[in-house]
Amino acid sequence: MRKRHRRINKNRLAAVLTALLLAVLVLVRGCAELRHREKTAPETGSAVSVKETPVPEEETPDPEEQAYLTMETFSGDVLAYTDCLTVEATAYSGGGKTAMGTAAGEGTVAVDPDVIPLGSRLYITAEDGSSWVYGYAVAEDTGGSIQGERVDLFFWSESDCRAFGRRTAKVYVLAP
């Protein structure tokens, strides 16, 4: 009987190790924030007295040390993200200038800036994550009918827009 050796996906291994390291950091930081208590019971049998020693507050955490969620793309890339929204996605074409003053093109997305800040880097897929993938995008545009959890994805042709129609999508707001 031959032994099968399992190949380890380096990206998946890196993601697991990163998640484990972040979990340890959160645990250590959480323990550091606990107050140290010293309990003593007087010989007289009276109530236990508690002496609290506050731990000094830590500095504001470095953004590079913040814990991010990760997801694996259809192609196997591991992405760190700060938020994941389920939205209604529609399509638009026609080019022109975006709300940020850039030229509209593939990867341009119109958003409600109260929900997704302009300039955010995004990764957009079908709700199931695999039936269709728009891919990497930037929230660069707004639109009058784009309010709340809705996005408008740029396509080069009107026929592509009609083929896309209206779909439910997952929008991952990527980590900086």
C-alpha atoms as a PDB file:
ATOM      1  CA  MET A   1       0.000   0.000   0.000  1.00  0.00           C
ATOM      2  CA  ARG A   2       1.481   3.344  -1.062  1.00  0.00           C
ATOM      3  CA  LYS A   3       1.384   6.309   1.241  1.00  0.00           C
ATOM      4  CA  ARG A   4      -0.136   9.417  -0.206  1.00  0.00           C
ATOM      5  CA  HIS A   5       1.600  12.647   0.587  1.00  0.00           C
ATOM      6  CA  ARG A   6      -0.682  15.597   0.910  1.00  0.00           C
ATOM      7  CA  ARG A   7       0.537  18.754  -0.767  1.00  0.00           C
ATOM      8  CA  ILE A   8       0.171  21.848   1.352  1.00  0.00           C
ATOM      9  CA  ASN A   9      -1.114  24.963  -0.351  1.00  0.00           C
ATOM     10  CA  LYS A  10       1.373  27.646   0.707  1.00  0.00           C
ATOM     11  CA  ASN A  11      -1.240  30.418   0.606  1.00  0.00           C
ATOM     12  CA  ARG A  12      -3.633  28.421   2.772  1.00  0.00           C
ATOM     13  CA  LEU A  13      -0.839  27.544   5.199  1.00  0.00           C
ATOM     14  CA  ALA A  14       0.169  31.217   5.405  1.00  0.00           C
ATOM     15  CA  ALA A  15      -3.450  32.213   6.054  1.00  0.00           C
ATOM     16  CA  VAL A  16      -3.848  29.606   8.804  1.00  0.00           C
ATOM     17  CA  LEU A  17      -0.585  30.629  10.452  1.00  0.00           C
ATOM     18  CA  THR A  18      -1.537  34.314  10.242  1.00  0.00           C
ATOM     19  CA  ALA A  19      -4.944  33.610  11.786  1.00  0.00           C
ATOM     20  CA  LEU A  20      -3.311  31.579  14.555  1.00  0.00           C
ATOM     21  CA  LEU A  21      -0.788  34.341  15.267  1.00  0.00           C
ATOM     22  CA  LEU A  22      -3.557  36.954  15.382  1.00  0.00           C
ATOM     23  CA  ALA A  23      -5.584  34.790  17.760  1.00  0.00           C
ATOM     24  CA  VAL A  24      -2.583  34.500  20.077  1.00  0.00           C
ATOM     25  CA  LEU A  25      -2.042  38.278  19.931  1.00  0.00           C
ATOM     26  CA  VAL A  26      -5.695  38.925  20.806  1.00  0.00           C
ATOM     27  CA  LEU A  27      -5.482  36.455  23.694  1.00  0.00           C
ATOM     28  CA  VAL A  28      -2.276  38.014  25.045  1.00  0.00           C
ATOM     29  CA  ARG A  29      -3.652  41.541  24.702  1.00  0.00           C
ATOM     30  CA  GLY A  30      -6.889  40.491  26.408  1.00  0.00           C
ATOM     31  CA  CYS A  31      -4.949  38.983  29.326  1.00  0.00           C
ATOM     32  CA  ALA A  32      -2.882  42.158  29.675  1.00  0.00           C
ATOM     33  CA  GLU A  33      -6.047  44.221  30.046  1.00  0.00           C
ATOM     34  CA  LEU A  34      -7.292  42.197  33.008  1.00  0.00           C
ATOM     35  CA  ARG A  35      -6.807  43.792  36.364  1.00  0.00           C
ATOM     36  CA  HIS A  36      -4.490  42.015  38.728  1.00  0.00           C
ATOM     37  CA  ARG A  37      -6.274  41.139  41.944  1.00  0.00           C
ATOM     38  CA  GLU A  38      -4.793  40.116  45.212  1.00  0.00           C
ATOM     39  CA  LYS A  39      -7.204  38.426  47.565  1.00  0.00           C
ATOM     40  CA  THR A  40      -6.445  37.950  51.249  1.00  0.00           C
ATOM     41  CA  ALA A  41      -8.584  36.360  53.928  1.00  0.00           C
ATOM     42  CA  PRO A  42      -7.987  37.848  57.347  1.00  0.00           C
ATOM     43  CA  GLU A  43      -7.563  35.338  60.151  1.00  0.00           C
ATOM     44  CA  THR A  44     -10.616  36.801  61.860  1.00  0.00           C
ATOM     45  CA  GLY A  45     -12.915  35.171  59.318  1.00  0.00           C
ATOM     46  CA  SER A  46     -14.230  38.495  58.047  1.00  0.00           C
ATOM     47  CA  ALA A  47     -15.013  39.171  54.410  1.00  0.00           C
ATOM     48  CA  VAL A  48     -12.310  38.833  51.780  1.00  0.00           C
ATOM     49  CA  SER A  49     -10.672  42.112  50.869  1.00  0.00           C
ATOM     50  CA  VAL A  50      -9.723  42.845  47.268  1.00  0.00           C
ATOM     51  CA  LYS A  51      -6.859  45.085  46.233  1.00  0.00           C
ATOM     52  CA  GLU A  52      -6.989  46.163  42.593  1.00  0.00           C
ATOM     53  CA  THR A  53      -3.952  47.346  40.691  1.00  0.00           C
ATOM     54  CA  PRO A  54      -4.908  48.929  37.360  1.00  0.00           C
ATOM     55  CA  VAL A  55      -2.812  48.034  34.341  1.00  0.00           C
ATOM     56  CA  PRO A  56      -1.609  51.124  32.431  1.00  0.00           C
ATOM     57  CA  GLU A  57      -3.490  51.766  29.204  1.00  0.00           C
ATOM     58  CA  GLU A  58      -1.729  50.695  26.037  1.00  0.00           C
ATOM     59  CA  GLU A  59      -1.027  52.944  23.100  1.00  0.00           C
ATOM     60  CA  THR A  60      -3.357  52.974  20.118  1.00  0.00           C
ATOM     61  CA  PRO A  61      -2.687  49.763  18.179  1.00  0.00           C
ATOM     62  CA  ASP A  62      -0.677  50.002  14.987  1.00  0.00           C
ATOM     63  CA  PRO A  63      -2.986  49.450  11.963  1.00  0.00           C
ATOM     64  CA  GLU A  64      -0.569  46.805  10.674  1.00  0.00           C
ATOM     65  CA  GLU A  65      -1.098  44.806  13.886  1.00  0.00           C
ATOM     66  CA  GLN A  66      -4.903  44.847  13.609  1.00  0.00           C
ATOM     67  CA  ALA A  67      -6.632  41.528  13.129  1.00  0.00           C
ATOM     68  CA  TYR A  68      -8.251  41.107   9.737  1.00  0.00           C
ATOM     69  CA  LEU A  69     -10.521  38.400   8.430  1.00  0.00           C
ATOM     70  CA  THR A  70      -9.276  36.381   5.477  1.00  0.00           C
ATOM     71  CA  MET A  71     -10.938  34.671   2.556  1.00  0.00           C
ATOM     72  CA  GLU A  72      -9.667  32.519  -0.273  1.00  0.00           C
ATOM     73  CA  THR A  73     -10.564  33.581  -3.808  1.00  0.00           C
ATOM     74  CA  PHE A  74     -11.724  31.197  -6.502  1.00  0.00           C
ATOM     75  CA  SER A  75      -8.148  31.239  -7.891  1.00  0.00           C
ATOM     76  CA  GLY A  76      -6.612  30.415  -4.494  1.00  0.00           C
ATOM     77  CA  ASP A  77      -5.383  33.876  -3.440  1.00  0.00           C
ATOM     78  CA  VAL A  78      -5.846  34.667   0.244  1.00  0.00           C
ATOM     79  CA  LEU A  79      -7.218  38.167   0.886  1.00  0.00           C
ATOM     80  CA  ALA A  80      -7.426  40.093   4.149  1.00  0.00           C
ATOM     81  CA  TYR A  81     -10.636  42.086   4.517  1.00  0.00           C
ATOM     82  CA  THR A  82     -12.251  44.349   7.065  1.00  0.00           C
ATOM     83  CA  ASP A  83     -15.913  43.932   6.113  1.00  0.00           C
ATOM     84  CA  CYS A  84     -18.115  41.678   3.992  1.00  0.00           C
ATOM     85  CA  LEU A  85     -21.486  42.909   2.745  1.00  0.00           C
ATOM     86  CA  THR A  86     -24.241  41.093   0.897  1.00  0.00           C
ATOM     87  CA  VAL A  87     -25.587  43.613  -1.601  1.00  0.00           C
ATOM     88  CA  GLU A  88     -27.760  43.986  -4.667  1.00  0.00           C
ATOM     89  CA  ALA A  89     -25.502  44.438  -7.715  1.00  0.00           C
ATOM     90  CA  THR A  90     -26.432  46.018 -11.020  1.00  0.00           C
ATOM     91  CA  ALA A  91     -24.299  47.051 -13.990  1.00  0.00           C
ATOM     92  CA  TYR A  92     -23.579  50.258 -15.904  1.00  0.00           C
ATOM     93  CA  SER A  93     -21.491  51.326 -18.899  1.00  0.00           C
ATOM     94  CA  GLY A  94     -20.742  54.469 -20.826  1.00  0.00           C
ATOM     95  CA  GLY A  95     -17.487  55.678 -19.331  1.00  0.00           C
ATOM     96  CA  GLY A  96     -17.045  59.288 -18.334  1.00  0.00           C
ATOM     97  CA  LYS A  97     -15.672  60.673 -15.086  1.00  0.00           C
ATOM     98  CA  THR A  98     -16.368  59.113 -11.705  1.00  0.00           C
ATOM     99  CA  ALA A  99     -17.246  60.926  -8.477  1.00  0.00           C
ATOM    100  CA  MET A 100     -13.540  60.727  -7.586  1.00  0.00           C
ATOM    101  CA  GLY A 101     -12.559  62.377 -10.889  1.00  0.00           C
ATOM    102  CA  THR A 102     -11.068  59.260 -12.480  1.00  0.00           C
ATOM    103  CA  ALA A 103     -12.082  57.737 -15.804  1.00  0.00           C
ATOM    104  CA  ALA A 104     -14.664  54.963 -15.415  1.00  0.00           C
ATOM    105  CA  GLY A 105     -13.393  51.576 -16.537  1.00  0.00           C
ATOM    106  CA  GLU A 106     -13.336  47.882 -15.712  1.00  0.00           C
ATOM    107  CA  GLY A 107     -13.066  47.570 -11.932  1.00  0.00           C
ATOM    108  CA  THR A 108     -14.913  50.823 -11.225  1.00  0.00           C
ATOM    109  CA  VAL A 109     -17.817  50.435  -8.826  1.00  0.00           C
ATOM    110  CA  ALA A 110     -20.498  52.934  -7.837  1.00  0.00           C
ATOM    111  CA  VAL A 111     -21.388  52.744  -4.132  1.00  0.00           C
ATOM    112  CA  ASP A 112     -23.266  54.582  -1.417  1.00  0.00           C
ATOM    113  CA  PRO A 113     -20.386  56.344   0.386  1.00  0.00           C
ATOM    114  CA  ASP A 114     -22.282  56.060   3.690  1.00  0.00           C
ATOM    115  CA  VAL A 115     -22.007  52.258   3.397  1.00  0.00           C
ATOM    116  CA  ILE A 116     -18.702  51.773   1.513  1.00  0.00           C
ATOM    117  CA  PRO A 117     -16.246  54.690   1.642  1.00  0.00           C
ATOM    118  CA  LEU A 118     -15.051  56.070  -1.698  1.00  0.00           C
ATOM    119  CA  GLY A 119     -11.560  54.844  -2.508  1.00  0.00           C
ATOM    120  CA  SER A 120     -12.079  51.470  -0.809  1.00  0.00           C
ATOM    121  CA  ARG A 121     -10.469  48.481  -2.493  1.00  0.00           C
ATOM    122  CA  LEU A 122     -13.019  45.714  -3.035  1.00  0.00           C
ATOM    123  CA  TYR A 123     -13.317  42.106  -4.152  1.00  0.00           C
ATOM    124  CA  ILE A 124     -16.737  41.182  -5.547  1.00  0.00           C
ATOM    125  CA  THR A 125     -18.223  37.716  -6.131  1.00  0.00           C
ATOM    126  CA  ALA A 126     -21.539  35.951  -6.340  1.00  0.00           C
ATOM    127  CA  GLU A 127     -23.255  35.264  -3.048  1.00  0.00           C
ATOM    128  CA  ASP A 128     -22.113  31.623  -3.288  1.00  0.00           C
ATOM    129  CA  GLY A 129     -18.565  32.777  -4.080  1.00  0.00           C
ATOM    130  CA  SER A 130     -18.126  30.821  -7.303  1.00  0.00           C
ATOM    131  CA  SER A 131     -20.970  31.072  -9.858  1.00  0.00           C
ATOM    132  CA  TRP A 132     -19.570  34.415 -11.055  1.00  0.00           C
ATOM    133  CA  VAL A 133     -16.711  36.666 -10.018  1.00  0.00           C
ATOM    134  CA  TYR A 134     -16.352  40.367 -10.847  1.00  0.00           C
ATOM    135  CA  GLY A 135     -13.018  40.410  -9.027  1.00  0.00           C
ATOM    136  CA  TYR A 136     -10.943  43.318  -7.775  1.00  0.00           C
ATOM    137  CA  ALA A 137     -12.509  46.767  -7.911  1.00  0.00           C
ATOM    138  CA  VAL A 138     -12.313  50.250  -6.418  1.00  0.00           C
ATOM    139  CA  ALA A 139     -15.254  52.229  -5.021  1.00  0.00           C
ATOM    140  CA  GLU A 140     -14.776  55.332  -7.190  1.00  0.00           C
ATOM    141  CA  ASP A 141     -18.266  56.376  -8.208  1.00  0.00           C
ATOM    142  CA  THR A 142     -21.695  57.180  -6.780  1.00  0.00           C
ATOM    143  CA  GLY A 143     -25.130  57.226  -8.340  1.00  0.00           C
ATOM    144  CA  GLY A 144     -28.550  58.641  -7.570  1.00  0.00           C
ATOM    145  CA  SER A 145     -30.155  55.198  -7.328  1.00  0.00           C
ATOM    146  CA  ILE A 146     -27.201  53.633  -5.476  1.00  0.00           C
ATOM    147  CA  GLN A 147     -28.361  53.941  -1.891  1.00  0.00           C
ATOM    148  CA  GLY A 148     -27.840  51.564   0.989  1.00  0.00           C
ATOM    149  CA  GLU A 149     -26.449  48.123   0.291  1.00  0.00           C
ATOM    150  CA  ARG A 150     -26.368  48.414  -3.503  1.00  0.00           C
ATOM    151  CA  VAL A 151     -23.453  48.571  -5.925  1.00  0.00           C
ATOM    152  CA  ASP A 152     -23.233  49.324  -9.634  1.00  0.00           C
ATOM    153  CA  LEU A 153     -20.466  47.463 -11.486  1.00  0.00           C
ATOM    154  CA  PHE A 154     -18.866  48.968 -14.591  1.00  0.00           C
ATOM    155  CA  PHE A 155     -18.877  46.941 -17.831  1.00  0.00           C
ATOM    156  CA  TRP A 156     -17.591  48.091 -21.217  1.00  0.00           C
ATOM    157  CA  SER A 157     -20.736  47.272 -23.222  1.00  0.00           C
ATOM    158  CA  GLU A 158     -24.472  47.602 -22.721  1.00  0.00           C
ATOM    159  CA  SER A 159     -24.923  43.987 -23.812  1.00  0.00           C
ATOM    160  CA  ASP A 160     -22.650  42.868 -20.940  1.00  0.00           C
ATOM    161  CA  CYS A 161     -24.729  45.033 -18.594  1.00  0.00           C
ATOM    162  CA  ARG A 162     -27.984  43.467 -19.798  1.00  0.00           C
ATOM    163  CA  ALA A 163     -26.474  39.978 -19.490  1.00  0.00           C
ATOM    164  CA  PHE A 164     -25.403  40.740 -15.912  1.00  0.00           C
ATOM    165  CA  GLY A 165     -28.810  42.144 -14.954  1.00  0.00           C
ATOM    166  CA  ARG A 166     -29.489  42.371 -11.209  1.00  0.00           C
ATOM    167  CA  ARG A 167     -27.769  39.897  -8.903  1.00  0.00           C
ATOM    168  CA  THR A 168     -27.029  39.354  -5.238  1.00  0.00           C
ATOM    169  CA  ALA A 169     -23.318  39.803  -4.561  1.00  0.00           C
ATOM    170  CA  LYS A 170     -20.797  39.616  -1.748  1.00  0.00           C
ATOM    171  CA  VAL A 171     -18.546  42.655  -1.483  1.00  0.00           C
ATOM    172  CA  TYR A 172     -15.351  42.212   0.528  1.00  0.00           C
ATOM    173  CA  VAL A 173     -13.855  45.535   1.661  1.00  0.00           C
ATOM    174  CA  LEU A 174     -10.149  44.740   1.499  1.00  0.00           C
ATOM    175  CA  ALA A 175      -7.721  45.645   4.249  1.00  0.00           C
ATOM    176  CA  PRO A 176      -5.506  48.676   3.608  1.00  0.00           C
END
